[in-house]
Amino acid sequence: MPPAPAPAADAWTRFQPWRRVFEYGFWLLVTLVNAIGNIITVLIDVRRTGLDVAAWEPVIWELSSGLAWLALVPAIVWFTRTYPLHWDNWRRQLPGYLLASVVVSLLHVMGMVGMRMLAYRLQGGSYDFSPWLPNLGYEYLKDVRTFLGMVALVELYRLALRRMQGEARLLDAPDEGVPADPVDRPERFLVRKLGREFLVAARDIEWAQAAGNYVNLHVAGRDYPLRSTMAAIEARLDPERFARVHRSYLVNLDRIASIEPLESGDARLHLVDGRQVPCSRSYRDALRARGAPETRPGAGNC
């Protein structure tokens, strides 16, 4: 009998090898298209008004601004991941985002002015940004819109990824009768992915990681975001099977291959699939008491 054909890879699996290429390429393309558009516009305005501006100057202005924004993308991605913005918390998060917009604007201005000064010096001239205070205010009025636009793009992309990969939630209690799972200790989670719904057994969760207002449930190489806190999800999982190992991590004990002590007093957990999860010193002794194997520092995992 011929072997059964392998199941076709879904959209999420097919996207993974290209994910970083897409992400880097997206920001590079956006920066390049925006810079070219602005350069053409500025050159047209210069010609119309008859300003004494060399053709290379608008190129330097726009490329320096674009490169400065490009350098800030990782910081903006980190900030939005650490302090996620949602409909139910936007009022609380708004002051932090406004402060972040000021910091981002200052970094953007410092970066682009530095690049312009260098470029003008190479051309035998000088670039003057003074008066600084009015110019910073002018730049901020532009930068805050760019910052908010980038935040919106990052959040829309994350929403698309969650829809592609799937989001987990607790099973709802039935309108009538006894629920299939205990409300305080669910045995399954409901995962919605691209319009379809699946049940994921709680025992199949390998580890969980806190991420802002979500907890990512790691199951068979996928992360399913669950709208919850780490403390809330820890209280709902079986304490005989799961253990908190870090402020932001919870692990299925059956998935731990070994514990590697670190000189700092913390530890590194080696899981059976080769993944590594941090374990803080405050949880390490309790984990050892539950029988997880420990290796010597630098000895590797079992």
Protein backbone atom coordinates (compact mmCIF):
# COMPACT_ATOMS: atom_id res chain seq x y z
CA MET A 1 0.00 0.00 0.00
CA PRO A 2 1.51 3.34 -0.97
CA PRO A 3 2.14 5.74 1.90
CA ALA A 4 -0.54 8.29 2.61
CA PRO A 5 0.25 11.72 1.17
CA ALA A 6 1.51 14.30 3.63
CA PRO A 7 -1.12 16.84 4.67
CA ALA A 8 -0.95 20.09 2.75
CA ALA A 9 0.69 22.92 4.66
CA ASP A 10 -1.68 25.65 5.75
CA ALA A 11 -1.17 29.36 5.09
CA TRP A 12 0.64 29.96 8.39
CA THR A 13 3.15 27.17 7.79
CA ARG A 14 3.80 28.27 4.19
CA PHE A 15 4.35 31.86 5.36
CA GLN A 16 6.98 31.08 8.02
CA PRO A 17 10.05 30.71 5.73
CA TRP A 18 9.18 34.06 4.14
CA ARG A 19 8.05 35.92 7.23
CA ARG A 20 11.27 37.83 7.98
CA VAL A 21 11.83 38.57 4.29
CA PHE A 22 8.30 39.99 4.10
CA GLU A 23 8.67 42.07 7.27
CA TYR A 24 12.04 43.58 6.37
CA GLY A 25 11.04 44.00 2.76
CA PHE A 26 7.80 45.74 3.70
CA TRP A 27 9.51 48.46 5.74
CA LEU A 28 12.25 48.90 3.16
CA LEU A 29 9.69 49.24 0.38
CA VAL A 30 7.51 51.68 2.34
CA THR A 31 10.55 53.80 3.19
CA LEU A 32 11.82 53.82 -0.40
CA VAL A 33 8.44 54.61 -1.98
CA ASN A 34 7.73 57.36 0.55
CA ALA A 35 11.20 58.89 0.05
CA ILE A 36 10.93 58.85 -3.75
CA GLY A 37 7.46 60.41 -3.63
CA ASN A 38 8.62 63.16 -1.27
CA ILE A 39 11.77 63.85 -3.32
CA ILE A 40 9.74 64.34 -6.49
CA THR A 41 7.26 66.60 -4.68
CA VAL A 42 10.00 68.75 -3.13
CA LEU A 43 11.83 69.10 -6.46
CA ILE A 44 8.62 70.25 -8.14
CA ASP A 45 7.99 72.82 -5.38
CA VAL A 46 11.60 74.06 -5.57
CA ARG A 47 11.34 74.57 -9.32
CA ARG A 48 8.00 76.36 -9.01
CA THR A 49 9.20 78.77 -6.33
CA GLY A 50 12.65 79.30 -7.81
CA LEU A 51 14.50 78.50 -4.58
CA ASP A 52 18.26 78.19 -4.72
CA VAL A 53 18.40 74.50 -3.83
CA ALA A 54 20.67 71.95 -5.49
CA ALA A 55 18.98 68.84 -6.89
CA TRP A 56 20.88 66.56 -4.48
CA GLU A 57 19.62 68.38 -1.36
CA PRO A 58 16.00 67.08 -1.38
CA VAL A 59 17.44 63.60 -1.92
CA ILE A 60 19.53 63.94 1.24
CA TRP A 61 16.62 65.43 3.20
CA GLU A 62 14.20 62.62 2.40
CA LEU A 63 16.64 59.70 2.52
CA SER A 64 18.01 60.84 5.91
CA SER A 65 14.49 61.06 7.30
CA GLY A 66 13.53 57.65 5.87
CA LEU A 67 16.67 55.95 7.16
CA ALA A 68 16.13 57.44 10.63
CA TRP A 69 12.56 56.07 10.66
CA LEU A 70 13.80 52.72 9.41
CA ALA A 71 16.27 52.52 12.31
CA LEU A 72 13.42 53.21 14.76
CA VAL A 73 11.18 50.37 13.52
CA PRO A 74 12.60 47.72 15.95
CA ALA A 75 12.10 50.08 18.90
CA ILE A 76 8.50 50.85 17.88
CA VAL A 77 7.76 47.14 17.41
CA TRP A 78 9.22 46.40 20.87
CA PHE A 79 7.25 49.22 22.49
CA THR A 80 3.93 48.16 21.00
CA ARG A 81 4.58 44.55 22.01
CA THR A 82 5.50 45.52 25.59
CA TYR A 83 2.66 48.01 25.98
CA PRO A 84 -0.09 46.72 23.67
CA LEU A 85 -2.89 49.07 22.72
CA HIS A 86 -6.48 47.75 22.71
CA TRP A 87 -9.98 49.17 22.75
CA ASP A 88 -10.38 48.48 26.46
CA ASN A 89 -7.08 50.06 27.57
CA TRP A 90 -6.37 52.87 25.09
CA ARG A 91 -7.26 55.60 27.60
CA ARG A 92 -4.81 54.16 30.12
CA GLN A 93 -2.09 53.65 27.51
CA LEU A 94 -2.56 56.98 25.70
CA PRO A 95 -0.21 59.04 27.96
CA GLY A 96 2.55 56.47 27.50
CA TYR A 97 2.10 56.51 23.73
CA LEU A 98 2.17 60.32 23.64
CA LEU A 99 5.39 60.30 25.65
CA ALA A 100 6.80 57.65 23.32
CA SER A 101 5.91 59.82 20.32
CA VAL A 102 7.99 62.67 21.79
CA VAL A 103 10.98 60.37 22.38
CA VAL A 104 10.67 58.84 18.91
CA SER A 105 10.47 62.29 17.33
CA LEU A 106 13.60 63.44 19.15
CA LEU A 107 15.49 60.33 18.06
CA HIS A 108 14.25 60.75 14.50
CA VAL A 109 15.34 64.38 14.35
CA MET A 110 18.74 63.67 15.89
CA GLY A 111 19.33 60.83 13.44
CA MET A 112 18.30 62.68 10.30
CA VAL A 113 20.08 65.92 11.26
CA GLY A 114 23.27 63.97 11.96
CA MET A 115 23.09 62.28 8.54
CA ARG A 116 22.36 65.61 6.82
CA MET A 117 25.30 67.32 8.52
CA LEU A 118 27.60 64.52 7.36
CA ALA A 119 26.24 64.58 3.80
CA TYR A 120 26.56 68.36 3.52
CA ARG A 121 30.09 68.23 4.88
CA LEU A 122 31.02 65.66 2.23
CA GLN A 123 29.64 68.10 -0.36
CA GLY A 124 31.80 70.89 1.03
CA GLY A 125 28.95 72.74 2.74
CA SER A 126 27.14 72.79 6.09
CA TYR A 127 23.63 71.98 7.29
CA ASP A 128 22.00 74.27 9.86
CA PHE A 129 18.92 73.09 11.79
CA SER A 130 18.61 76.23 13.93
CA PRO A 131 16.51 77.57 15.52
CA TRP A 132 16.21 74.20 17.21
CA LEU A 133 13.14 74.70 19.41
CA PRO A 134 10.71 75.90 16.69
CA ASN A 135 12.07 73.32 14.27
CA LEU A 136 11.65 70.51 16.83
CA GLY A 137 8.03 71.55 17.32
CA TYR A 138 7.47 71.60 13.55
CA GLU A 139 9.06 68.18 13.13
CA TYR A 140 7.04 66.73 16.01
CA LEU A 141 3.75 67.73 14.36
CA LYS A 142 4.81 65.61 11.38
CA ASP A 143 6.48 62.84 13.37
CA VAL A 144 3.54 62.14 15.67
CA ARG A 145 1.38 61.32 12.65
CA THR A 146 4.08 59.06 11.22
CA PHE A 147 4.53 57.35 14.60
CA LEU A 148 0.80 56.67 15.00
CA GLY A 149 0.63 55.43 11.42
CA MET A 150 3.48 52.98 12.07
CA VAL A 151 1.79 51.78 15.27
CA ALA A 152 -1.42 51.20 13.32
CA LEU A 153 0.45 49.21 10.63
CA VAL A 154 2.20 47.05 13.26
CA GLU A 155 -1.09 46.30 15.04
CA LEU A 156 -2.90 45.50 11.78
CA TYR A 157 -0.09 43.11 10.83
CA ARG A 158 -0.29 41.40 14.23
CA LEU A 159 -4.05 41.08 13.83
CA ALA A 160 -3.53 39.42 10.45
CA LEU A 161 -0.99 37.02 11.97
CA ARG A 162 -3.36 36.12 14.79
CA ARG A 163 -6.14 35.45 12.31
CA MET A 164 -3.80 33.28 10.23
CA GLN A 165 -2.28 31.38 13.16
CA GLY A 166 -5.37 31.26 15.36
CA GLU A 167 -6.50 32.80 18.65
CA ALA A 168 -7.44 30.77 21.70
CA ARG A 169 -10.25 31.45 24.14
CA LEU A 170 -11.96 29.63 26.94
CA LEU A 171 -15.04 27.60 26.07
CA ASP A 172 -18.25 29.44 26.83
CA ALA A 173 -20.65 27.96 29.35
CA PRO A 174 -23.81 26.55 27.70
CA ASP A 175 -27.09 28.43 27.98
CA GLU A 176 -28.60 25.37 29.61
CA GLY A 177 -27.22 22.31 31.35
CA VAL A 178 -23.81 21.45 32.75
CA PRO A 179 -20.71 22.72 30.88
CA ALA A 180 -18.60 20.09 29.12
CA ASP A 181 -15.47 21.33 30.95
CA PRO A 182 -15.20 22.62 34.51
CA VAL A 183 -15.25 26.40 34.35
CA ASP A 184 -12.38 26.73 36.82
CA ARG A 185 -10.21 23.98 35.25
CA PRO A 186 -10.88 23.69 31.49
CA GLU A 187 -9.60 20.60 29.69
CA ARG A 188 -9.82 22.21 26.26
CA PHE A 189 -9.43 25.64 24.66
CA LEU A 190 -11.25 26.84 21.58
CA VAL A 191 -9.01 28.08 18.75
CA ARG A 192 -10.48 30.17 15.93
CA LYS A 193 -8.33 30.23 12.79
CA LEU A 194 -9.31 31.68 9.41
CA GLY A 195 -13.02 31.24 10.06
CA ARG A 196 -12.72 27.69 11.43
CA GLU A 197 -12.74 26.53 15.04
CA PHE A 198 -10.62 23.81 16.67
CA LEU A 199 -10.35 22.36 20.16
CA VAL A 200 -6.90 22.26 21.77
CA ALA A 201 -6.41 20.00 24.78
CA ALA A 202 -4.94 21.74 27.81
CA ARG A 203 -2.51 18.83 28.30
CA ASP A 204 -1.02 19.57 24.84
CA ILE A 205 0.13 23.04 25.90
CA GLU A 206 3.93 22.87 26.07
CA TRP A 207 4.56 26.26 27.61
CA ALA A 208 2.94 29.67 27.90
CA GLN A 209 4.42 33.16 27.74
CA ALA A 210 2.92 36.44 28.91
CA ALA A 211 2.73 39.11 26.20
CA GLY A 212 1.03 42.26 27.36
CA ASN A 213 -2.71 41.62 27.70
CA TYR A 214 -2.31 38.17 26.17
CA VAL A 215 -0.78 34.84 27.11
CA ASN A 216 0.66 32.92 24.17
CA LEU A 217 -0.12 29.20 24.45
CA HIS A 218 2.62 27.25 22.67
CA VAL A 219 1.22 24.06 21.13
CA ALA A 220 3.06 21.93 18.56
CA GLY A 221 5.15 24.79 17.19
CA ARG A 222 2.37 27.38 17.18
CA ASP A 223 1.55 30.26 19.50
CA TYR A 224 -2.15 30.80 20.18
CA PRO A 225 -2.79 34.17 21.88
CA LEU A 226 -5.30 33.97 24.73
CA ARG A 227 -6.73 37.18 26.16
CA SER A 228 -5.76 36.67 29.80
CA THR A 229 -3.13 37.36 32.43
CA MET A 230 -0.49 34.82 33.40
CA ALA A 231 -1.89 34.59 36.93
CA ALA A 232 -5.40 33.91 35.61
CA ILE A 233 -4.32 31.17 33.21
CA GLU A 234 -2.05 29.60 35.83
CA ALA A 235 -5.04 29.32 38.17
CA ARG A 236 -7.04 27.49 35.46
CA LEU A 237 -4.40 24.91 34.50
CA ASP A 238 -3.75 21.68 36.40
CA PRO A 239 -1.05 22.43 39.04
CA GLU A 240 0.04 18.77 38.93
CA ARG A 241 0.98 19.19 35.28
CA PHE A 242 1.95 22.86 34.91
CA ALA A 243 4.37 25.02 36.89
CA ARG A 244 5.22 28.72 36.88
CA VAL A 245 8.95 29.07 36.19
CA HIS A 246 9.26 32.80 35.56
CA ARG A 247 7.24 35.97 35.88
CA SER A 248 6.39 35.60 32.19
CA TYR A 249 6.59 31.82 31.64
CA LEU A 250 4.66 28.72 32.62
CA VAL A 251 5.73 25.21 31.53
CA ASN A 252 4.18 21.76 31.14
CA LEU A 253 6.31 19.59 33.44
CA ASP A 254 6.08 16.64 31.05
CA ARG A 255 7.89 18.72 28.41
CA ILE A 256 10.99 19.49 30.50
CA ALA A 257 14.06 17.46 29.51
CA SER A 258 16.50 19.07 31.93
CA ILE A 259 17.32 22.14 34.02
CA GLU A 260 20.59 23.92 33.39
CA PRO A 261 21.71 26.06 36.37
CA LEU A 262 23.29 29.41 35.54
CA GLU A 263 25.93 31.33 37.48
CA SER A 264 23.43 34.10 38.20
CA GLY A 265 21.31 31.70 40.23
CA ASP A 266 18.67 31.48 37.52
CA ALA A 267 18.30 28.47 35.26
CA ARG A 268 17.59 27.53 31.68
CA LEU A 269 14.97 24.88 30.95
CA HIS A 270 15.66 22.55 28.03
CA LEU A 271 12.42 21.17 26.62
CA VAL A 272 12.02 17.88 24.79
CA ASP A 273 11.56 19.70 21.44
CA GLY A 274 14.88 21.54 21.85
CA ARG A 275 13.34 24.86 22.87
CA GLN A 276 14.74 26.75 25.86
CA VAL A 277 12.72 28.63 28.47
CA PRO A 278 14.13 30.87 31.23
CA CYS A 279 13.60 29.91 34.86
CA SER A 280 14.16 32.56 37.53
CA ARG A 281 15.84 31.69 40.81
CA SER A 282 12.66 32.25 42.82
CA TYR A 283 11.02 29.31 41.00
CA ARG A 284 14.05 27.05 40.52
CA ASP A 285 14.02 25.24 43.90
CA ALA A 286 10.30 24.51 43.67
CA LEU A 287 10.83 23.09 40.19
CA ARG A 288 13.68 20.84 41.35
CA ALA A 289 11.50 19.60 44.20
CA ARG A 290 9.00 18.38 41.64
CA GLY A 291 11.59 16.02 40.15
CA ALA A 292 12.76 17.83 37.01
CA PRO A 293 16.29 16.59 36.08
CA GLU A 294 19.14 19.04 36.48
CA THR A 295 22.38 19.26 34.53
CA ARG A 296 25.68 20.98 35.37
CA PRO A 297 26.27 24.46 33.95
CA GLY A 298 27.57 24.16 30.39
CA ALA A 299 26.92 20.41 30.29
CA GLY A 300 24.04 20.77 27.84
CA ASN A 301 20.69 19.04 28.10
CA CYS A 302 19.82 15.39 28.35
